[in-house]
Protein backbone atom coordinates (compact mmCIF):
# COMPACT_ATOMS: atom_id res chain seq x y z
CA MET A 1 45.07 -56.10 -15.38
CA THR A 2 45.38 -53.79 -18.55
CA ASP A 3 43.69 -56.54 -20.56
CA ALA A 4 40.75 -56.76 -18.10
CA LYS A 5 40.48 -52.84 -18.36
CA ALA A 6 40.76 -53.10 -21.58
CA ALA A 7 37.71 -55.45 -22.19
CA ARG A 8 35.65 -53.44 -20.53
CA PRO A 9 32.98 -51.92 -22.59
CA LEU A 10 32.93 -48.23 -22.94
CA ARG A 11 29.61 -46.57 -21.45
CA LEU A 12 29.24 -42.61 -21.69
CA ASN A 13 28.45 -40.29 -18.81
CA THR A 14 25.04 -38.66 -18.30
CA HIS A 15 26.43 -35.30 -19.50
CA GLU A 16 27.94 -37.14 -22.79
CA ALA A 17 24.67 -39.12 -23.54
CA ALA A 18 22.63 -35.65 -23.29
CA GLN A 19 25.10 -34.73 -26.03
CA LYS A 20 23.97 -37.30 -28.56
CA PRO A 21 22.54 -35.62 -31.71
CA ARG A 22 18.60 -36.25 -32.04
CA THR A 23 16.97 -37.05 -34.93
CA ALA A 24 15.14 -34.53 -37.29
CA LEU A 25 11.88 -35.43 -35.74
CA GLN A 26 12.46 -35.08 -32.10
CA ASP A 27 14.21 -31.67 -33.10
CA THR A 28 11.09 -30.62 -34.48
CA TRP A 29 9.14 -31.57 -31.40
CA ALA A 30 11.59 -29.74 -29.16
CA GLN A 31 11.16 -26.46 -31.24
CA LEU A 32 7.51 -26.75 -31.07
CA ALA A 33 7.36 -27.80 -27.29
CA ARG A 34 9.04 -24.30 -26.46
CA ASN A 35 6.69 -22.46 -27.94
CA ARG A 36 4.04 -22.16 -25.28
CA PRO A 37 1.09 -20.51 -28.09
CA ALA A 38 1.79 -23.16 -30.63
CA LEU A 39 1.85 -26.09 -27.64
CA LEU A 40 -1.68 -24.95 -26.45
CA SER A 41 -2.97 -24.67 -29.87
CA LEU A 42 -1.96 -28.24 -30.62
CA ILE A 43 -3.68 -29.30 -27.54
CA PHE A 44 -6.90 -27.77 -28.45
CA VAL A 45 -6.78 -28.74 -32.02
CA ILE A 46 -6.54 -32.67 -30.88
CA GLY A 47 -9.30 -32.14 -28.18
CA LEU A 48 -11.58 -30.54 -31.11
CA VAL A 49 -10.83 -33.44 -33.13
CA ALA A 50 -11.58 -35.84 -29.96
CA MET A 51 -14.95 -33.81 -29.43
CA ALA A 52 -16.03 -33.89 -33.35
CA LEU A 53 -15.22 -37.86 -33.34
CA GLY A 54 -17.11 -38.56 -30.36
CA ALA A 55 -20.09 -36.77 -30.44
CA ASP A 56 -22.06 -39.55 -30.76
CA VAL A 57 -20.76 -40.76 -27.41
CA LEU A 58 -21.39 -37.72 -25.91
CA ARG A 59 -24.84 -38.23 -27.35
CA ASN A 60 -25.39 -41.63 -26.08
CA ILE A 61 -24.47 -40.75 -22.63
CA GLY A 62 -27.07 -37.58 -22.50
CA LEU A 63 -24.63 -34.66 -22.22
CA ILE A 64 -25.76 -33.32 -25.75
CA GLU A 65 -28.48 -33.79 -27.97
CA ASP A 66 -29.22 -34.63 -31.33
CA ILE A 67 -29.07 -32.39 -33.99
CA ASN A 68 -32.61 -32.23 -35.04
CA ASP A 69 -34.31 -33.25 -31.49
CA GLN A 70 -36.55 -30.36 -30.94
CA HIS A 71 -37.93 -29.49 -27.38
CA ARG A 72 -41.39 -27.77 -27.62
CA GLY A 73 -42.18 -25.02 -25.81
CA SER A 74 -38.35 -24.38 -25.17
CA SER A 75 -37.93 -22.43 -28.05
CA LEU A 76 -34.91 -19.43 -27.99
CA ALA A 77 -34.38 -20.96 -24.12
CA LEU A 78 -32.18 -19.25 -22.29
CA PRO A 79 -28.68 -20.39 -21.41
CA LEU A 80 -28.96 -23.00 -18.27
CA SER A 81 -32.76 -23.32 -18.67
CA CYS A 82 -34.07 -26.87 -18.57
CA ALA A 83 -36.94 -28.77 -19.87
CA THR A 84 -38.67 -31.91 -19.31
CA MET A 85 -39.40 -33.95 -22.56
CA GLN A 86 -40.85 -37.43 -23.28
CA ALA A 87 -37.68 -39.93 -23.98
CA ASN A 88 -39.68 -42.91 -25.33
CA GLN A 89 -36.73 -43.66 -27.83
CA GLN A 90 -33.02 -45.16 -27.52
CA PRO A 91 -30.92 -44.43 -25.91
CA TYR A 92 -32.68 -42.82 -22.91
CA PRO A 93 -34.87 -44.97 -21.06
CA PRO A 94 -38.61 -44.77 -20.94
CA GLY A 95 -40.57 -42.16 -19.21
CA GLU A 96 -39.37 -38.28 -17.92
CA ARG A 97 -36.38 -36.74 -18.95
CA GLN A 98 -34.80 -33.45 -18.02
CA PHE A 99 -32.23 -31.68 -20.36
CA CYS A 100 -31.02 -28.43 -19.49
CA PHE A 101 -29.87 -25.78 -22.23
CA VAL A 102 -25.92 -24.89 -20.79
CA PHE A 103 -25.88 -22.14 -23.88
CA GLY A 104 -29.87 -21.70 -24.42
CA ALA A 105 -32.07 -23.24 -27.46
CA ASP A 106 -32.43 -21.92 -30.89
CA ALA A 107 -35.75 -20.61 -32.65
CA LEU A 108 -36.76 -24.66 -33.17
CA GLY A 109 -35.93 -25.80 -29.86
CA ARG A 110 -32.87 -27.19 -30.43
CA ASP A 111 -30.09 -27.19 -28.05
CA VAL A 112 -27.26 -24.50 -28.94
CA LEU A 113 -24.12 -26.65 -27.26
CA SER A 114 -25.17 -29.81 -29.30
CA ARG A 115 -25.49 -28.07 -32.63
CA THR A 116 -21.87 -26.13 -31.96
CA VAL A 117 -20.67 -29.69 -31.13
CA TYR A 118 -21.97 -31.56 -34.21
CA GLY A 119 -20.92 -28.33 -36.02
CA THR A 120 -17.11 -29.25 -35.40
CA ARG A 121 -17.42 -32.07 -37.65
CA VAL A 122 -18.30 -29.91 -40.44
CA SER A 123 -15.48 -27.56 -40.01
CA LEU A 124 -12.91 -30.08 -39.55
CA ALA A 125 -14.04 -32.11 -42.53
CA VAL A 126 -13.75 -28.90 -45.05
CA ALA A 127 -10.41 -28.09 -42.94
CA VAL A 128 -9.23 -31.96 -43.96
CA VAL A 129 -10.67 -32.43 -47.15
CA GLY A 130 -9.51 -28.99 -48.30
CA ALA A 131 -6.06 -29.03 -47.36
CA VAL A 132 -5.63 -33.00 -48.66
CA MET A 133 -6.81 -31.71 -52.34
CA THR A 134 -4.67 -28.31 -52.28
CA THR A 135 -1.63 -30.11 -51.19
CA VAL A 136 -1.74 -32.87 -53.77
CA ILE A 137 -2.87 -31.00 -56.18
CA GLY A 138 -0.73 -27.96 -56.17
CA VAL A 139 2.39 -30.19 -55.06
CA LEU A 140 2.08 -32.36 -58.18
CA TYR A 141 1.40 -29.30 -60.53
CA GLY A 142 4.30 -27.63 -58.97
CA VAL A 143 6.77 -30.26 -58.61
CA ILE A 144 6.25 -30.82 -62.54
CA SER A 145 6.54 -27.35 -63.67
CA GLY A 146 9.51 -26.93 -61.43
CA TYR A 147 11.57 -29.87 -61.95
CA TYR A 148 11.20 -30.00 -66.11
CA GLY A 149 11.60 -26.63 -66.69
CA GLY A 150 11.50 -24.99 -70.13
CA TRP A 151 8.49 -24.56 -72.00
CA VAL A 152 6.52 -27.14 -69.53
CA ASP A 153 7.28 -24.46 -66.68
CA ASN A 154 6.67 -21.70 -68.89
CA LEU A 155 3.29 -22.94 -69.95
CA MET A 156 2.18 -24.31 -66.74
CA MET A 157 3.02 -21.14 -64.95
CA ARG A 158 1.55 -19.21 -67.59
CA PHE A 159 -2.10 -20.84 -66.70
CA VAL A 160 -1.22 -20.27 -62.88
CA ASP A 161 -1.12 -16.56 -63.69
CA PHE A 162 -4.22 -16.51 -65.56
CA LEU A 163 -6.19 -18.31 -62.66
CA TYR A 164 -4.57 -15.70 -60.51
CA GLY A 165 -6.52 -12.92 -62.32
CA ILE A 166 -10.01 -14.62 -61.32
CA PRO A 167 -11.58 -14.05 -57.75
CA SER A 168 -11.35 -17.00 -56.00
CA LEU A 169 -14.07 -16.50 -53.71
CA VAL A 170 -16.65 -15.10 -56.59
CA LEU A 171 -15.87 -18.27 -58.34
CA VAL A 172 -16.89 -20.35 -55.53
CA ILE A 173 -19.69 -18.58 -54.71
CA LEU A 174 -20.99 -18.91 -58.32
CA PHE A 175 -20.40 -22.56 -58.61
CA GLN A 176 -21.89 -23.01 -55.57
CA ALA A 177 -25.11 -21.29 -57.03
CA PHE A 178 -24.63 -23.61 -59.84
CA PHE A 179 -24.86 -26.39 -57.99
CA LYS A 180 -27.96 -25.40 -55.66
CA SER A 181 -29.59 -24.79 -59.46
CA LEU A 182 -28.96 -28.38 -60.75
CA ASP A 183 -31.19 -29.78 -58.07
CA GLN A 184 -33.91 -27.45 -58.29
CA ALA A 185 -33.83 -28.03 -62.55
CA GLY A 186 -34.67 -31.86 -62.21
CA THR A 187 -31.39 -33.18 -64.15
CA SER A 188 -30.97 -36.81 -64.68
CA GLY A 189 -27.93 -39.25 -65.09
CA LEU A 190 -24.69 -38.08 -64.00
CA ALA A 191 -25.77 -34.79 -62.63
CA ARG A 192 -28.64 -36.29 -60.37
CA THR A 193 -26.07 -38.89 -59.06
CA LEU A 194 -23.93 -36.12 -57.85
CA ILE A 195 -26.71 -34.13 -56.58
CA GLU A 196 -27.59 -37.73 -54.39
CA ILE A 197 -24.27 -38.09 -53.27
CA ASP A 198 -24.28 -34.42 -52.12
CA ARG A 199 -27.29 -34.83 -50.56
CA GLY A 200 -25.80 -37.89 -48.58
CA MET A 201 -23.23 -35.86 -47.54
CA GLY A 202 -25.32 -32.66 -45.86
CA GLY A 203 -24.19 -30.44 -48.94
CA LEU A 204 -20.58 -30.84 -48.27
CA PHE A 205 -19.38 -32.76 -51.75
CA PHE A 206 -20.02 -29.59 -54.01
CA LEU A 207 -18.45 -27.51 -51.20
CA PHE A 208 -15.28 -29.74 -51.29
CA ILE A 209 -15.44 -29.58 -55.14
CA ALA A 210 -16.05 -25.55 -55.30
CA LEU A 211 -13.16 -24.88 -52.36
CA SER A 212 -10.73 -27.24 -54.54
CA ILE A 213 -11.11 -25.08 -57.66
CA LEU A 214 -8.50 -22.41 -57.52
CA SER A 215 -7.04 -23.06 -53.84
CA TRP A 216 -4.16 -25.19 -55.28
CA ILE A 217 -2.65 -22.33 -57.00
CA ASN A 218 -0.19 -20.93 -53.83
CA MET A 219 0.86 -24.25 -52.99
CA ALA A 220 1.83 -24.87 -56.73
CA ARG A 221 3.86 -22.17 -56.45
CA LEU A 222 5.43 -22.82 -53.22
CA ALA A 223 6.56 -26.08 -54.69
CA ARG A 224 7.74 -24.99 -57.82
CA GLY A 225 10.16 -22.42 -56.38
CA GLU A 226 11.42 -25.07 -53.84
CA ILE A 227 11.82 -27.64 -56.66
CA MET A 228 14.10 -25.13 -58.45
CA ALA A 229 16.23 -24.69 -55.77
CA TYR A 230 16.81 -28.22 -55.17
CA LYS A 231 17.02 -29.67 -58.54
CA HIS A 232 20.64 -28.37 -59.16
CA GLN A 233 21.96 -29.81 -55.85
CA GLU A 234 24.74 -32.08 -55.70
CA PHE A 235 22.47 -35.13 -54.40
CA VAL A 236 20.34 -34.69 -57.08
CA GLU A 237 22.88 -34.76 -59.50
CA ALA A 238 24.26 -37.97 -58.03
CA ALA A 239 21.17 -39.31 -57.94
CA ARG A 240 20.86 -38.89 -61.95
CA ALA A 241 24.28 -40.31 -62.20
CA VAL A 242 23.64 -43.45 -60.97
CA GLY A 243 20.56 -43.54 -63.57
CA ALA A 244 17.77 -42.84 -61.17
CA SER A 245 14.77 -42.11 -62.96
CA ASN A 246 12.65 -38.68 -63.26
CA TRP A 247 10.19 -39.43 -60.72
CA ARG A 248 12.56 -41.40 -58.29
CA ILE A 249 14.25 -38.37 -58.08
CA ILE A 250 11.25 -36.35 -57.37
CA PHE A 251 9.79 -38.43 -55.16
CA VAL A 252 12.64 -40.28 -53.23
CA HIS A 253 15.40 -37.27 -53.38
CA LEU A 254 13.19 -34.23 -53.61
CA LEU A 255 9.71 -34.45 -51.93
CA PRO A 256 11.60 -35.29 -48.45
CA ASN A 257 13.70 -32.25 -48.68
CA ILE A 258 10.64 -29.73 -49.31
CA THR A 259 8.24 -31.47 -46.53
CA GLY A 260 8.43 -28.83 -44.34
CA PRO A 261 7.71 -25.87 -45.89
CA LEU A 262 4.72 -27.53 -47.46
CA VAL A 263 3.58 -28.94 -44.16
CA VAL A 264 3.47 -25.17 -42.70
CA ALA A 265 1.78 -24.09 -45.87
CA THR A 266 -0.96 -26.30 -45.39
CA THR A 267 -1.43 -25.51 -42.03
CA LEU A 268 -1.75 -21.89 -42.41
CA GLU A 269 -4.16 -22.69 -45.28
CA ILE A 270 -6.96 -24.31 -42.94
CA PRO A 271 -8.30 -21.50 -41.18
CA ALA A 272 -8.88 -20.04 -44.71
CA PHE A 273 -10.88 -23.08 -45.72
CA ILE A 274 -12.89 -23.20 -42.16
CA PHE A 275 -13.96 -19.30 -42.62
CA THR A 276 -15.08 -20.01 -46.25
CA GLU A 277 -17.23 -22.65 -45.37
CA ALA A 278 -18.76 -20.35 -42.38
CA PHE A 279 -19.21 -17.60 -44.85
CA LEU A 280 -21.03 -19.62 -47.47
CA SER A 281 -23.24 -21.21 -45.14
CA PHE A 282 -23.88 -17.50 -43.69
CA ILE A 283 -25.38 -16.78 -47.14
CA GLY A 284 -27.20 -19.93 -47.68
CA LEU A 285 -24.62 -21.54 -50.24
CA GLY A 286 -22.80 -23.73 -47.75
CA VAL A 287 -23.99 -27.51 -45.92
CA GLU A 288 -27.71 -28.09 -46.16
CA ALA A 289 -30.32 -27.98 -43.48
CA PRO A 290 -30.50 -29.65 -40.47
CA THR A 291 -26.53 -30.16 -40.95
CA PRO A 292 -24.96 -28.17 -38.59
CA SER A 293 -22.63 -24.96 -39.53
CA TRP A 294 -21.11 -22.71 -37.31
CA GLY A 295 -21.91 -20.06 -40.02
CA GLY A 296 -25.18 -21.27 -40.46
CA MET A 297 -25.86 -20.79 -36.76
CA ILE A 298 -24.91 -17.55 -36.84
CA SER A 299 -26.89 -16.69 -39.58
CA THR A 300 -30.02 -17.96 -38.00
CA GLY A 301 -29.31 -16.31 -34.38
CA ARG A 302 -28.55 -12.90 -36.22
CA ASP A 303 -32.01 -11.73 -35.61
CA SER A 304 -32.16 -12.41 -31.96
CA LEU A 305 -28.82 -10.74 -31.32
CA THR A 306 -29.88 -7.90 -29.03
CA SER A 307 -32.11 -10.34 -27.10
CA LEU A 308 -30.14 -13.74 -27.19
CA PRO A 309 -26.26 -13.00 -28.11
CA ASN A 310 -25.78 -16.88 -26.97
CA LEU A 311 -27.03 -17.91 -30.46
CA ILE A 312 -24.30 -15.70 -32.30
CA LEU A 313 -21.70 -15.79 -29.32
CA VAL A 314 -21.25 -19.63 -29.21
CA PRO A 315 -20.58 -20.47 -32.63
CA GLY A 316 -18.93 -17.14 -33.09
CA ILE A 317 -16.03 -18.41 -30.39
CA ALA A 318 -15.91 -21.53 -31.50
CA LEU A 319 -14.93 -20.53 -35.06
CA ALA A 320 -12.37 -17.47 -33.72
CA LEU A 321 -10.63 -20.34 -31.18
CA THR A 322 -10.33 -22.66 -34.18
CA THR A 323 -9.17 -20.55 -36.54
CA LEU A 324 -6.44 -19.04 -34.06
CA ALA A 325 -5.53 -22.24 -32.95
CA PHE A 326 -4.65 -23.29 -36.62
CA ASN A 327 -2.79 -19.79 -37.17
CA PHE A 328 -0.91 -20.41 -34.22
CA LEU A 329 0.07 -23.92 -34.84
CA GLY A 330 1.14 -23.01 -38.42
CA ASP A 331 3.46 -20.06 -36.82
CA GLY A 332 4.60 -22.89 -34.32
CA LEU A 333 5.43 -25.35 -37.41
CA ARG A 334 7.07 -22.52 -39.32
CA ASP A 335 9.63 -21.91 -36.37
CA ALA A 336 10.20 -25.61 -35.77
CA LEU A 337 10.92 -26.61 -39.50
CA ASP A 338 12.87 -23.66 -40.47
CA PRO A 339 16.28 -23.98 -39.28
CA HIS A 340 17.11 -20.34 -40.08
CA ALA A 341 13.97 -19.06 -38.20
CA ARG A 342 14.87 -20.97 -34.70
CA ARG A 343 16.32 -19.07 -32.01
CA THR A 344 19.31 -20.52 -29.99
C-alpha cells in the first residue's frame, strides 16, 4: 500500500498552480492589462492599424470613397448630406449611386471621412519608419559609445553635444525646403532618381530622411547610459572570461537587458513624429497633394473654420486621439517594464 502511494505522481492543487512563476512577457502583459488607459489605447492603436490596412477594402464595399473622387456640385457639403453620381467604373455597378458625406465634403467635393481614413496611413507610416530609423541609428551609436568608452566615447558624445545645439525642427524645415527645390531646379542623375522615388511615395521619402537626421540623438544617449550601467556586471565579466567577442556580448548579453527602456522611449517618440509630419503638411512642406494628410486637411479647411468647422475638427480629433493613445500606451509600457515603477 505504501509503495502504491509512493508511485502516484504528485499533483499541484489549484492554489499551488496559481503560484507558479510567470514569464517576463506574461508579467509585463499582466501589469499592462491593469492600466485601463494604456489597455484602451492599445485597442485604439490596433483598430487604427486595421483601419489603415483595410482602407482599400472599405472603399471596395462602398463605405468610403477614393481620395481623388470628386462629387461635382457637392463642394463644401454639410455633414450627413448625400449626393448622387454616375458610377460607371468598378467596383460599383453601372448606373446611379448615392453616397452620403458623413462628415461633409471639402472644397473639391471630396469626402472628408474617406480622406481622414487614408490619412491614417501617412501618420502611421511616418510613426513606424521614424521610430525604426531612430531606434536602429540611436541604439547602434549609443551602444558602441557606451561599451568601448575612453576616447571613442568622448569623441562620439562630443559630436552628439554639437548636434544638440542645432534646432531640430528648423533643420527639418530647411531640409524639406531644399528637397522641394531640387524638383524645381530640373536636376538629373541620382537627384532625379531620388525625386522620382519621393513622387512615387507621395512625398514621404524626403520626409523620412528629414525626420531621421536628428531624431536619434535622445535614443543614443539613453542606450549609452544603459550600456554603461550594465557593462561591468558579473554576467558580462563571465561572458568575457569564457572568450565571448565584443559583438556577442553586446547583442546577446547587453541588448536584451536594455530592451525595456528602449521600447518605452520609442513608443513615446511616435507622437512627436506624427505631430511633426502634421505641422510640415500644414505649412506645405509635408506630403505631396493629392496624398491625404491630417495636417494638410487642417490647412485647407482653415478658410472655412467659422462656416464648416467639421473640415478641421475631423482630422484634428483624429490627430489628437492618435497622439494621446500613443502617449498613454508609452506610459503604460514604462510602468509595466520598469519593476521599480510597478505598484504592488
